[in-house]
Amino acid sequence: MASSLLRVALHRVVSHRSVHLTKVRPSMVIGFGGPVQLAEDRDPNLNPIFHESLTNPIPDKPRTLKYTGDLATLKEMEVGDWKKLSVEDQMDLYNSFFGASIADMCRGQDDWKSVFGACMIFISFGLLLHLFIHLYINPPYVWTTLDEDWVKASIKRQIQSHAGDITGYSSKWDYANNRWK
C-alpha cells in the first residue's frame, strides 16, 4: 500500500516537473543571480550580460545597447556642450550607461529588518512554548522543605538523633524534661 502511494506520488512530481520545464525552457533567459525572465518580457535594448558592482564599478559595455527615442536625441546632444543639458538629461544619460551610482551600491539594504523580525517571532514562539510547558505540562514544583509540617518533623528528627549537640536544635532541648531549655 505504502509503496504504491509512493510510486503514484513520485510519478506525479516527475510528470509535473517535466511539463513545467517544457513550458518555460524554450523562451527562458537567466540573468546573473536575478530572477528567471522570459524573452518576451525583457527589453531588447538592454544588455543581457550587463554587470556592475562595487568590485567592478565601471562595466565593460553600457547598459543600453540601442538608443531609441529620447535617448537617441540625448546621445546626439551629448557630443555637444554639456551646459545645454539639464540635470534630468544628464541623469538619463548616466542611467543609460550605468545601472546604479556608487552611492546606490554602497547604500545598505533593509534585509536586516526582516531577519530581525523573523528572529523575534521565533523567540516569542519559543517563550510561549516554554510558558505553556512550565504551566500546564510540568507545573511549578512545590517546595516540601517550606511546608510547616515538614519543618516540625525535621526538627523532631534532629532532636531524636541528637544532631547538633553543640550549636543545633539538640543544644537547646532538655532531654530530661522533654521540652525546650
N, C-alpha and C. Protein backbone atom coordinates (compact mmCIF):
# COMPACT_ATOMS: atom_id res chain seq x y z
N MET A 1 0.83 -1.20 0.00
CA MET A 1 0.00 0.00 0.00
C MET A 1 0.87 1.26 0.00
N ALA A 2 1.85 1.29 0.93
CA ALA A 2 2.70 2.48 1.02
C ALA A 2 3.57 2.61 -0.22
N SER A 3 4.05 1.50 -0.76
CA SER A 3 4.91 1.58 -1.94
C SER A 3 4.12 2.05 -3.16
N SER A 4 2.86 1.65 -3.29
CA SER A 4 2.06 2.12 -4.42
C SER A 4 1.74 3.60 -4.28
N LEU A 5 1.48 4.07 -3.05
CA LEU A 5 1.24 5.50 -2.84
C LEU A 5 2.49 6.31 -3.16
N LEU A 6 3.65 5.79 -2.75
CA LEU A 6 4.91 6.48 -3.03
C LEU A 6 5.17 6.52 -4.53
N ARG A 7 4.89 5.42 -5.23
CA ARG A 7 5.09 5.36 -6.67
C ARG A 7 4.19 6.36 -7.38
N VAL A 8 2.92 6.46 -6.98
CA VAL A 8 1.99 7.41 -7.60
C VAL A 8 2.43 8.85 -7.33
N ALA A 9 2.83 9.14 -6.09
CA ALA A 9 3.26 10.50 -5.75
C ALA A 9 4.52 10.88 -6.52
N LEU A 10 5.48 9.96 -6.64
CA LEU A 10 6.71 10.23 -7.38
C LEU A 10 6.41 10.45 -8.85
N HIS A 11 5.49 9.68 -9.41
CA HIS A 11 5.11 9.84 -10.81
C HIS A 11 4.48 11.22 -11.04
N ARG A 12 3.64 11.66 -10.12
CA ARG A 12 3.01 12.98 -10.25
C ARG A 12 4.04 14.09 -10.20
N VAL A 13 5.01 13.97 -9.28
CA VAL A 13 6.03 15.02 -9.16
C VAL A 13 6.87 15.08 -10.42
N VAL A 14 7.31 13.94 -10.93
CA VAL A 14 8.17 13.92 -12.12
C VAL A 14 7.40 14.42 -13.33
N SER A 15 6.16 13.99 -13.51
CA SER A 15 5.40 14.43 -14.67
C SER A 15 5.09 15.92 -14.58
N HIS A 16 4.77 16.44 -13.39
CA HIS A 16 4.50 17.87 -13.22
C HIS A 16 5.75 18.69 -13.53
N ARG A 17 6.90 18.22 -13.08
CA ARG A 17 8.14 18.96 -13.29
C ARG A 17 8.51 18.97 -14.78
N SER A 18 8.35 17.86 -15.46
CA SER A 18 8.71 17.83 -16.88
C SER A 18 7.77 18.71 -17.70
N VAL A 19 6.48 18.74 -17.36
CA VAL A 19 5.54 19.62 -18.07
C VAL A 19 5.91 21.06 -17.81
N HIS A 20 6.25 21.39 -16.55
CA HIS A 20 6.61 22.75 -16.18
C HIS A 20 7.87 23.20 -16.93
N LEU A 21 8.87 22.34 -17.01
CA LEU A 21 10.11 22.71 -17.68
C LEU A 21 9.93 22.85 -19.18
N THR A 22 9.10 22.01 -19.79
CA THR A 22 8.91 22.12 -21.24
C THR A 22 8.12 23.38 -21.59
N LYS A 23 7.28 23.87 -20.69
CA LYS A 23 6.54 25.09 -20.97
C LYS A 23 7.45 26.32 -20.91
N VAL A 24 8.41 26.35 -19.98
CA VAL A 24 9.19 27.56 -19.74
C VAL A 24 10.52 27.56 -20.47
N ARG A 25 11.16 26.41 -20.62
CA ARG A 25 12.54 26.36 -21.07
C ARG A 25 12.81 26.97 -22.45
N PRO A 26 11.99 26.83 -23.48
CA PRO A 26 12.38 27.35 -24.79
C PRO A 26 12.56 28.87 -24.82
N SER A 27 11.83 29.62 -24.03
CA SER A 27 11.92 31.07 -24.11
C SER A 27 12.54 31.67 -22.85
N MET A 28 13.34 30.90 -22.13
CA MET A 28 13.84 31.36 -20.84
C MET A 28 15.21 31.99 -20.98
N VAL A 29 15.41 33.12 -20.30
CA VAL A 29 16.69 33.79 -20.25
C VAL A 29 17.04 33.96 -18.79
N ILE A 30 18.23 33.56 -18.39
CA ILE A 30 18.64 33.65 -16.99
C ILE A 30 19.71 34.72 -16.89
N GLY A 31 19.49 35.70 -15.99
CA GLY A 31 20.47 36.74 -15.77
C GLY A 31 21.44 36.35 -14.67
N PHE A 32 22.33 37.26 -14.31
CA PHE A 32 23.32 37.00 -13.27
C PHE A 32 22.67 37.10 -11.91
N GLY A 33 22.30 35.98 -11.33
CA GLY A 33 21.74 35.96 -9.99
C GLY A 33 20.36 36.55 -9.89
N GLY A 34 19.80 36.99 -10.99
CA GLY A 34 18.48 37.60 -10.95
C GLY A 34 17.40 36.56 -11.16
N PRO A 35 16.17 37.01 -11.15
CA PRO A 35 15.07 36.06 -11.34
C PRO A 35 15.02 35.59 -12.79
N VAL A 36 14.34 34.49 -13.01
CA VAL A 36 14.16 33.99 -14.37
C VAL A 36 13.28 34.98 -15.12
N GLN A 37 13.71 35.35 -16.30
CA GLN A 37 12.99 36.35 -17.07
C GLN A 37 12.70 35.77 -18.45
N LEU A 38 11.47 35.86 -18.90
CA LEU A 38 11.11 35.35 -20.21
C LEU A 38 11.60 36.30 -21.28
N ALA A 39 11.94 35.73 -22.44
CA ALA A 39 12.48 36.53 -23.53
C ALA A 39 11.47 37.55 -24.04
N GLU A 40 10.17 37.21 -23.96
CA GLU A 40 9.15 38.14 -24.42
C GLU A 40 9.01 39.34 -23.50
N ASP A 41 9.36 39.16 -22.21
CA ASP A 41 9.17 40.22 -21.22
C ASP A 41 10.35 41.18 -21.13
N ARG A 42 11.52 40.78 -21.57
CA ARG A 42 12.69 41.64 -21.36
C ARG A 42 12.79 42.70 -22.45
N ASP A 43 13.46 43.80 -22.10
CA ASP A 43 13.64 44.91 -23.03
C ASP A 43 14.76 44.54 -24.01
N PRO A 44 14.54 44.59 -25.32
CA PRO A 44 15.59 44.19 -26.26
C PRO A 44 16.72 45.21 -26.34
N ASN A 45 16.50 46.42 -25.83
CA ASN A 45 17.55 47.44 -25.90
C ASN A 45 18.54 47.34 -24.76
N LEU A 46 18.24 46.54 -23.72
CA LEU A 46 19.15 46.42 -22.58
C LEU A 46 20.12 45.27 -22.80
N ASN A 47 21.33 45.45 -22.32
CA ASN A 47 22.39 44.46 -22.46
C ASN A 47 22.13 43.30 -21.49
N PRO A 48 21.95 42.05 -21.95
CA PRO A 48 21.64 40.95 -21.03
C PRO A 48 22.82 40.52 -20.18
N ILE A 49 24.05 40.86 -20.59
CA ILE A 49 25.22 40.45 -19.80
C ILE A 49 25.81 41.62 -19.02
N PHE A 50 25.03 42.69 -18.86
CA PHE A 50 25.49 43.85 -18.11
C PHE A 50 25.63 43.47 -16.63
N HIS A 51 26.79 43.83 -16.06
CA HIS A 51 27.03 43.53 -14.65
C HIS A 51 27.93 44.61 -14.06
N GLU A 52 27.47 45.20 -12.97
CA GLU A 52 28.31 46.16 -12.25
C GLU A 52 28.15 45.92 -10.76
N SER A 53 29.21 46.16 -10.03
CA SER A 53 29.21 46.00 -8.58
C SER A 53 30.27 46.92 -8.02
N LEU A 54 30.43 46.91 -6.70
CA LEU A 54 31.47 47.75 -6.10
C LEU A 54 32.86 47.28 -6.48
N THR A 55 33.02 46.00 -6.75
CA THR A 55 34.33 45.50 -7.18
C THR A 55 34.59 45.81 -8.64
N ASN A 56 33.54 46.02 -9.43
CA ASN A 56 33.66 46.38 -10.84
C ASN A 56 32.71 47.53 -11.13
N PRO A 57 33.03 48.76 -10.67
CA PRO A 57 32.07 49.86 -10.79
C PRO A 57 31.90 50.38 -12.21
N ILE A 58 32.89 50.18 -13.07
CA ILE A 58 32.77 50.66 -14.45
C ILE A 58 32.65 49.43 -15.34
N PRO A 59 31.46 49.16 -15.86
CA PRO A 59 31.27 47.95 -16.68
C PRO A 59 31.98 48.07 -18.02
N ASP A 60 32.23 46.90 -18.64
CA ASP A 60 32.91 46.88 -19.93
C ASP A 60 32.04 47.46 -21.04
N LYS A 61 30.77 47.14 -21.01
CA LYS A 61 29.85 47.60 -22.05
C LYS A 61 28.70 48.36 -21.38
N PRO A 62 28.08 49.28 -22.08
CA PRO A 62 26.99 50.05 -21.47
C PRO A 62 25.76 49.19 -21.21
N ARG A 63 24.90 49.73 -20.38
CA ARG A 63 23.67 49.01 -20.03
C ARG A 63 22.71 49.00 -21.21
N THR A 64 22.68 50.06 -21.98
CA THR A 64 21.77 50.16 -23.11
C THR A 64 22.52 49.82 -24.39
N LEU A 65 21.99 48.90 -25.20
CA LEU A 65 22.64 48.50 -26.44
C LEU A 65 22.26 49.43 -27.59
N LYS A 66 20.97 49.73 -27.74
CA LYS A 66 20.49 50.55 -28.84
C LYS A 66 19.68 51.71 -28.27
N TYR A 67 20.08 52.91 -28.64
CA TYR A 67 19.39 54.10 -28.15
C TYR A 67 18.24 54.43 -29.09
N THR A 68 17.04 54.55 -28.51
CA THR A 68 15.86 54.87 -29.31
C THR A 68 15.12 56.03 -28.66
N GLY A 69 14.36 56.76 -29.46
CA GLY A 69 13.50 57.82 -28.95
C GLY A 69 14.27 58.96 -28.32
N ASP A 70 13.90 59.30 -27.08
CA ASP A 70 14.51 60.43 -26.37
C ASP A 70 15.98 60.19 -26.08
N LEU A 71 16.34 58.96 -25.83
CA LEU A 71 17.75 58.67 -25.54
C LEU A 71 18.63 58.89 -26.77
N ALA A 72 18.13 58.65 -27.96
CA ALA A 72 18.92 58.87 -29.17
C ALA A 72 19.21 60.36 -29.34
N THR A 73 18.20 61.21 -29.08
CA THR A 73 18.44 62.66 -29.19
C THR A 73 19.38 63.13 -28.08
N LEU A 74 19.26 62.53 -26.88
CA LEU A 74 20.18 62.91 -25.81
C LEU A 74 21.60 62.47 -26.14
N LYS A 75 21.74 61.33 -26.79
CA LYS A 75 23.08 60.85 -27.16
C LYS A 75 23.71 61.78 -28.20
N GLU A 76 22.90 62.34 -29.09
CA GLU A 76 23.43 63.31 -30.06
C GLU A 76 23.82 64.61 -29.36
N MET A 77 23.01 65.03 -28.37
CA MET A 77 23.32 66.26 -27.63
C MET A 77 24.53 66.08 -26.72
N GLU A 78 24.85 64.85 -26.39
CA GLU A 78 25.99 64.56 -25.51
C GLU A 78 27.30 64.98 -26.17
N VAL A 79 27.36 64.90 -27.48
CA VAL A 79 28.58 65.24 -28.21
C VAL A 79 28.85 66.74 -28.10
N GLY A 80 27.80 67.54 -27.99
CA GLY A 80 27.93 68.99 -27.93
C GLY A 80 28.27 69.49 -26.53
N ASP A 81 27.79 70.70 -26.25
CA ASP A 81 28.07 71.36 -24.98
C ASP A 81 27.19 70.78 -23.88
N TRP A 82 27.81 70.35 -22.80
CA TRP A 82 27.07 69.74 -21.70
C TRP A 82 26.33 70.77 -20.86
N LYS A 83 26.69 72.05 -20.99
CA LYS A 83 25.99 73.09 -20.22
C LYS A 83 24.57 73.28 -20.73
N LYS A 84 24.32 72.87 -21.97
CA LYS A 84 22.98 72.99 -22.53
C LYS A 84 22.05 71.88 -22.02
N LEU A 85 22.63 70.82 -21.48
CA LEU A 85 21.83 69.70 -20.98
C LEU A 85 21.32 70.00 -19.57
N SER A 86 20.08 69.64 -19.31
CA SER A 86 19.54 69.82 -17.96
C SER A 86 20.05 68.68 -17.06
N VAL A 87 19.78 68.83 -15.78
CA VAL A 87 20.22 67.81 -14.82
C VAL A 87 19.50 66.49 -15.09
N GLU A 88 18.21 66.58 -15.46
CA GLU A 88 17.46 65.35 -15.76
C GLU A 88 18.03 64.63 -16.98
N ASP A 89 18.42 65.44 -18.01
CA ASP A 89 19.01 64.83 -19.20
C ASP A 89 20.35 64.17 -18.87
N GLN A 90 21.14 64.82 -18.05
CA GLN A 90 22.42 64.23 -17.65
C GLN A 90 22.20 62.94 -16.86
N MET A 91 21.18 62.93 -15.98
CA MET A 91 20.89 61.72 -15.22
C MET A 91 20.39 60.60 -16.15
N ASP A 92 19.60 60.95 -17.17
CA ASP A 92 19.14 59.94 -18.12
C ASP A 92 20.31 59.34 -18.89
N LEU A 93 21.25 60.19 -19.31
CA LEU A 93 22.44 59.68 -19.99
C LEU A 93 23.27 58.78 -19.07
N TYR A 94 23.42 59.21 -17.83
CA TYR A 94 24.18 58.40 -16.85
C TYR A 94 23.49 57.05 -16.64
N ASN A 95 22.16 57.07 -16.48
CA ASN A 95 21.42 55.83 -16.24
C ASN A 95 21.38 54.94 -17.48
N SER A 96 21.61 55.50 -18.66
CA SER A 96 21.65 54.64 -19.85
C SER A 96 22.96 53.86 -19.91
N PHE A 97 24.01 54.37 -19.30
CA PHE A 97 25.29 53.65 -19.30
C PHE A 97 25.47 52.83 -18.03
N PHE A 98 25.11 53.38 -16.88
CA PHE A 98 25.29 52.70 -15.59
C PHE A 98 23.93 52.30 -15.03
N GLY A 99 23.90 51.21 -14.32
CA GLY A 99 22.67 50.76 -13.69
C GLY A 99 22.41 51.44 -12.36
N ALA A 100 23.48 51.74 -11.62
CA ALA A 100 23.35 52.37 -10.30
C ALA A 100 24.60 53.19 -10.03
N SER A 101 24.44 54.21 -9.20
CA SER A 101 25.59 55.01 -8.83
C SER A 101 26.35 54.31 -7.70
N ILE A 102 27.54 54.80 -7.41
CA ILE A 102 28.35 54.22 -6.33
C ILE A 102 27.61 54.37 -5.00
N ALA A 103 26.94 55.52 -4.82
CA ALA A 103 26.18 55.73 -3.58
C ALA A 103 25.05 54.71 -3.46
N ASP A 104 24.38 54.41 -4.58
CA ASP A 104 23.32 53.41 -4.55
C ASP A 104 23.86 52.03 -4.23
N MET A 105 25.04 51.72 -4.77
CA MET A 105 25.64 50.41 -4.49
C MET A 105 26.12 50.29 -3.04
N CYS A 106 26.56 51.42 -2.46
CA CYS A 106 27.05 51.41 -1.07
C CYS A 106 25.91 51.47 -0.06
N ARG A 107 24.75 51.91 -0.50
CA ARG A 107 23.63 52.07 0.42
C ARG A 107 23.26 50.71 1.01
N GLY A 108 23.02 50.70 2.30
CA GLY A 108 22.67 49.46 2.98
C GLY A 108 21.29 48.98 2.60
N GLN A 109 21.11 47.70 2.70
CA GLN A 109 19.81 47.10 2.39
C GLN A 109 19.00 47.01 3.68
N ASP A 110 17.71 46.87 3.54
CA ASP A 110 16.83 46.74 4.69
C ASP A 110 16.51 45.29 5.01
N ASP A 111 17.35 44.37 4.55
CA ASP A 111 17.11 42.95 4.82
C ASP A 111 17.22 42.62 6.30
N TRP A 112 18.02 43.38 7.03
CA TRP A 112 18.22 43.07 8.45
C TRP A 112 16.92 43.21 9.23
N LYS A 113 16.02 44.06 8.76
CA LYS A 113 14.75 44.24 9.47
C LYS A 113 13.88 42.99 9.40
N SER A 114 13.83 42.38 8.23
CA SER A 114 13.03 41.15 8.12
C SER A 114 13.68 40.00 8.88
N VAL A 115 15.01 39.94 8.87
CA VAL A 115 15.70 38.88 9.62
C VAL A 115 15.47 39.08 11.12
N PHE A 116 15.56 40.33 11.58
CA PHE A 116 15.33 40.62 12.99
C PHE A 116 13.89 40.29 13.38
N GLY A 117 12.94 40.64 12.52
CA GLY A 117 11.54 40.32 12.79
C GLY A 117 11.29 38.82 12.86
N ALA A 118 11.89 38.06 11.95
CA ALA A 118 11.73 36.60 11.97
C ALA A 118 12.35 36.01 13.23
N CYS A 119 13.51 36.53 13.64
CA CYS A 119 14.14 36.05 14.89
C CYS A 119 13.25 36.35 16.09
N MET A 120 12.66 37.53 16.12
CA MET A 120 11.78 37.86 17.24
C MET A 120 10.54 36.98 17.26
N ILE A 121 10.03 36.62 16.10
CA ILE A 121 8.87 35.72 16.04
C ILE A 121 9.25 34.35 16.59
N PHE A 122 10.42 33.83 16.17
CA PHE A 122 10.85 32.52 16.67
C PHE A 122 11.11 32.56 18.17
N ILE A 123 11.71 33.64 18.66
CA ILE A 123 11.97 33.75 20.10
C ILE A 123 10.66 33.82 20.87
N SER A 124 9.68 34.57 20.35
CA SER A 124 8.39 34.67 21.06
C SER A 124 7.67 33.33 21.06
N PHE A 125 7.72 32.59 19.94
CA PHE A 125 7.11 31.25 19.93
C PHE A 125 7.81 30.33 20.92
N GLY A 126 9.14 30.44 21.02
CA GLY A 126 9.87 29.62 21.99
C GLY A 126 9.50 29.96 23.42
N LEU A 127 9.36 31.24 23.71
CA LEU A 127 8.98 31.64 25.06
C LEU A 127 7.55 31.21 25.39
N LEU A 128 6.65 31.32 24.42
CA LEU A 128 5.28 30.86 24.65
C LEU A 128 5.23 29.35 24.86
N LEU A 129 6.04 28.60 24.11
CA LEU A 129 6.10 27.15 24.29
C LEU A 129 6.66 26.81 25.67
N HIS A 130 7.70 27.54 26.10
CA HIS A 130 8.26 27.31 27.43
C HIS A 130 7.23 27.62 28.51
N LEU A 131 6.51 28.71 28.35
CA LEU A 131 5.48 29.08 29.32
C LEU A 131 4.37 28.02 29.37
N PHE A 132 3.93 27.53 28.23
CA PHE A 132 2.90 26.50 28.19
C PHE A 132 3.37 25.22 28.87
N ILE A 133 4.59 24.81 28.56
CA ILE A 133 5.13 23.59 29.17
C ILE A 133 5.28 23.78 30.67
N HIS A 134 5.77 24.94 31.08
CA HIS A 134 6.02 25.20 32.50
C HIS A 134 4.72 25.26 33.30
N LEU A 135 3.65 25.80 32.72
CA LEU A 135 2.41 25.95 33.46
C LEU A 135 1.48 24.74 33.39
N TYR A 136 1.38 24.11 32.21
CA TYR A 136 0.37 23.08 32.02
C TYR A 136 0.94 21.65 32.00
N ILE A 137 2.06 21.45 31.38
CA ILE A 137 2.60 20.10 31.27
C ILE A 137 3.42 19.74 32.50
N ASN A 138 4.30 20.62 32.90
CA ASN A 138 5.14 20.39 34.07
C ASN A 138 4.91 21.54 35.04
N PRO A 139 3.90 21.43 35.92
CA PRO A 139 3.56 22.56 36.79
C PRO A 139 4.71 22.89 37.75
N PRO A 140 4.68 24.08 38.31
CA PRO A 140 5.76 24.50 39.21
C PRO A 140 5.91 23.56 40.40
N TYR A 141 7.14 23.35 40.81
CA TYR A 141 7.44 22.44 41.91
C TYR A 141 7.07 23.11 43.24
N VAL A 142 6.35 22.39 44.08
CA VAL A 142 6.01 22.88 45.41
C VAL A 142 7.11 22.40 46.36
N TRP A 143 7.78 23.35 47.00
CA TRP A 143 8.90 23.00 47.87
C TRP A 143 8.37 22.39 49.16
N THR A 144 8.70 21.12 49.38
CA THR A 144 8.24 20.45 50.60
C THR A 144 9.03 20.91 51.81
N THR A 145 10.21 21.43 51.60
CA THR A 145 11.02 21.88 52.74
C THR A 145 10.45 23.15 53.37
N LEU A 146 9.58 23.87 52.66
CA LEU A 146 8.98 25.08 53.22
C LEU A 146 7.64 24.80 53.90
N ASP A 147 7.17 23.58 53.82
CA ASP A 147 5.91 23.20 54.46
C ASP A 147 6.11 23.16 55.98
N GLU A 148 5.15 23.69 56.74
CA GLU A 148 5.28 23.80 58.20
C GLU A 148 5.35 22.42 58.86
N ASP A 149 4.56 21.47 58.39
CA ASP A 149 4.61 20.11 58.96
C ASP A 149 5.97 19.46 58.73
N TRP A 150 6.55 19.70 57.54
CA TRP A 150 7.85 19.10 57.24
C TRP A 150 8.92 19.71 58.15
N VAL A 151 8.85 21.02 58.41
CA VAL A 151 9.84 21.68 59.27
C VAL A 151 9.75 21.12 60.69
N LYS A 152 8.52 20.95 61.19
CA LYS A 152 8.36 20.39 62.55
C LYS A 152 8.90 18.97 62.62
N ALA A 153 8.62 18.15 61.60
CA ALA A 153 9.12 16.77 61.58
C ALA A 153 10.63 16.73 61.48
N SER A 154 11.21 17.66 60.74
CA SER A 154 12.67 17.72 60.61
C SER A 154 13.33 18.08 61.93
N ILE A 155 12.76 19.06 62.63
CA ILE A 155 13.31 19.45 63.95
C ILE A 155 13.19 18.29 64.93
N LYS A 156 12.07 17.60 64.91
CA LYS A 156 11.86 16.45 65.81
C LYS A 156 12.86 15.35 65.50
N ARG A 157 13.12 15.10 64.24
CA ARG A 157 14.08 14.07 63.83
C ARG A 157 15.50 14.46 64.27
N GLN A 158 15.86 15.75 64.19
CA GLN A 158 17.19 16.19 64.61
C GLN A 158 17.35 16.06 66.13
N ILE A 159 16.27 16.36 66.85
CA ILE A 159 16.34 16.25 68.32
C ILE A 159 16.47 14.79 68.72
N GLN A 160 15.73 13.91 68.08
CA GLN A 160 15.77 12.49 68.44
C GLN A 160 17.12 11.86 68.08
N SER A 161 17.77 12.34 67.06
CA SER A 161 19.06 11.76 66.67
C SER A 161 20.24 12.50 67.30
N HIS A 162 19.96 13.47 68.16
CA HIS A 162 20.99 14.27 68.84
C HIS A 162 21.92 14.95 67.83
N ALA A 163 21.37 15.41 66.74
CA ALA A 163 22.17 16.10 65.74
C ALA A 163 22.40 17.54 66.18
N GLY A 164 23.64 18.01 66.14
CA GLY A 164 23.97 19.38 66.51
C GLY A 164 23.90 19.60 68.01
N ASP A 165 24.59 18.74 68.79
CA ASP A 165 24.56 18.87 70.25
C ASP A 165 25.20 20.15 70.75
N ILE A 166 26.06 20.76 70.00
CA ILE A 166 26.75 21.97 70.48
C ILE A 166 26.02 23.23 70.06
N THR A 167 25.66 23.35 68.80
CA THR A 167 25.04 24.60 68.33
C THR A 167 23.69 24.39 67.68
N GLY A 168 23.24 23.17 67.44
CA GLY A 168 21.99 22.91 66.75
C GLY A 168 20.79 22.91 67.67
N TYR A 169 19.68 22.33 67.17
CA TYR A 169 18.45 22.25 67.95
C TYR A 169 18.65 21.40 69.20
N SER A 170 19.48 20.39 69.11
CA SER A 170 19.68 19.49 70.25
C SER A 170 20.32 20.22 71.44
N SER A 171 21.10 21.26 71.20
CA SER A 171 21.73 22.00 72.30
C SER A 171 20.69 22.84 73.06
N LYS A 172 19.56 23.13 72.45
CA LYS A 172 18.51 23.92 73.10
C LYS A 172 17.37 23.06 73.64
N TRP A 173 17.49 21.74 73.58
CA TRP A 173 16.44 20.81 74.01
C TRP A 173 16.84 20.16 75.32
N ASP A 174 15.90 20.15 76.25
CA ASP A 174 16.12 19.50 77.55
C ASP A 174 15.59 18.08 77.43
N TYR A 175 16.51 17.11 77.37
CA TYR A 175 16.11 15.71 77.16
C TYR A 175 15.50 15.11 78.43
N ALA A 176 15.82 15.62 79.62
CA ALA A 176 15.28 15.08 80.87
C ALA A 176 13.81 15.45 81.03
N ASN A 177 13.43 16.69 80.64
CA ASN A 177 12.06 17.14 80.81
C ASN A 177 11.25 17.13 79.50
N ASN A 178 11.89 16.79 78.41
CA ASN A 178 11.25 16.75 77.09
C ASN A 178 10.61 18.09 76.72
N ARG A 179 11.38 19.16 76.81
CA ARG A 179 10.91 20.49 76.43
C ARG A 179 12.12 21.36 76.09
N TRP A 180 11.82 22.55 75.58
CA TRP A 180 12.89 23.48 75.23
C TRP A 180 13.51 24.08 76.47
N LYS A 181 14.82 24.33 76.42
CA LYS A 181 15.51 24.89 77.58
C LYS A 181 15.16 26.33 77.76
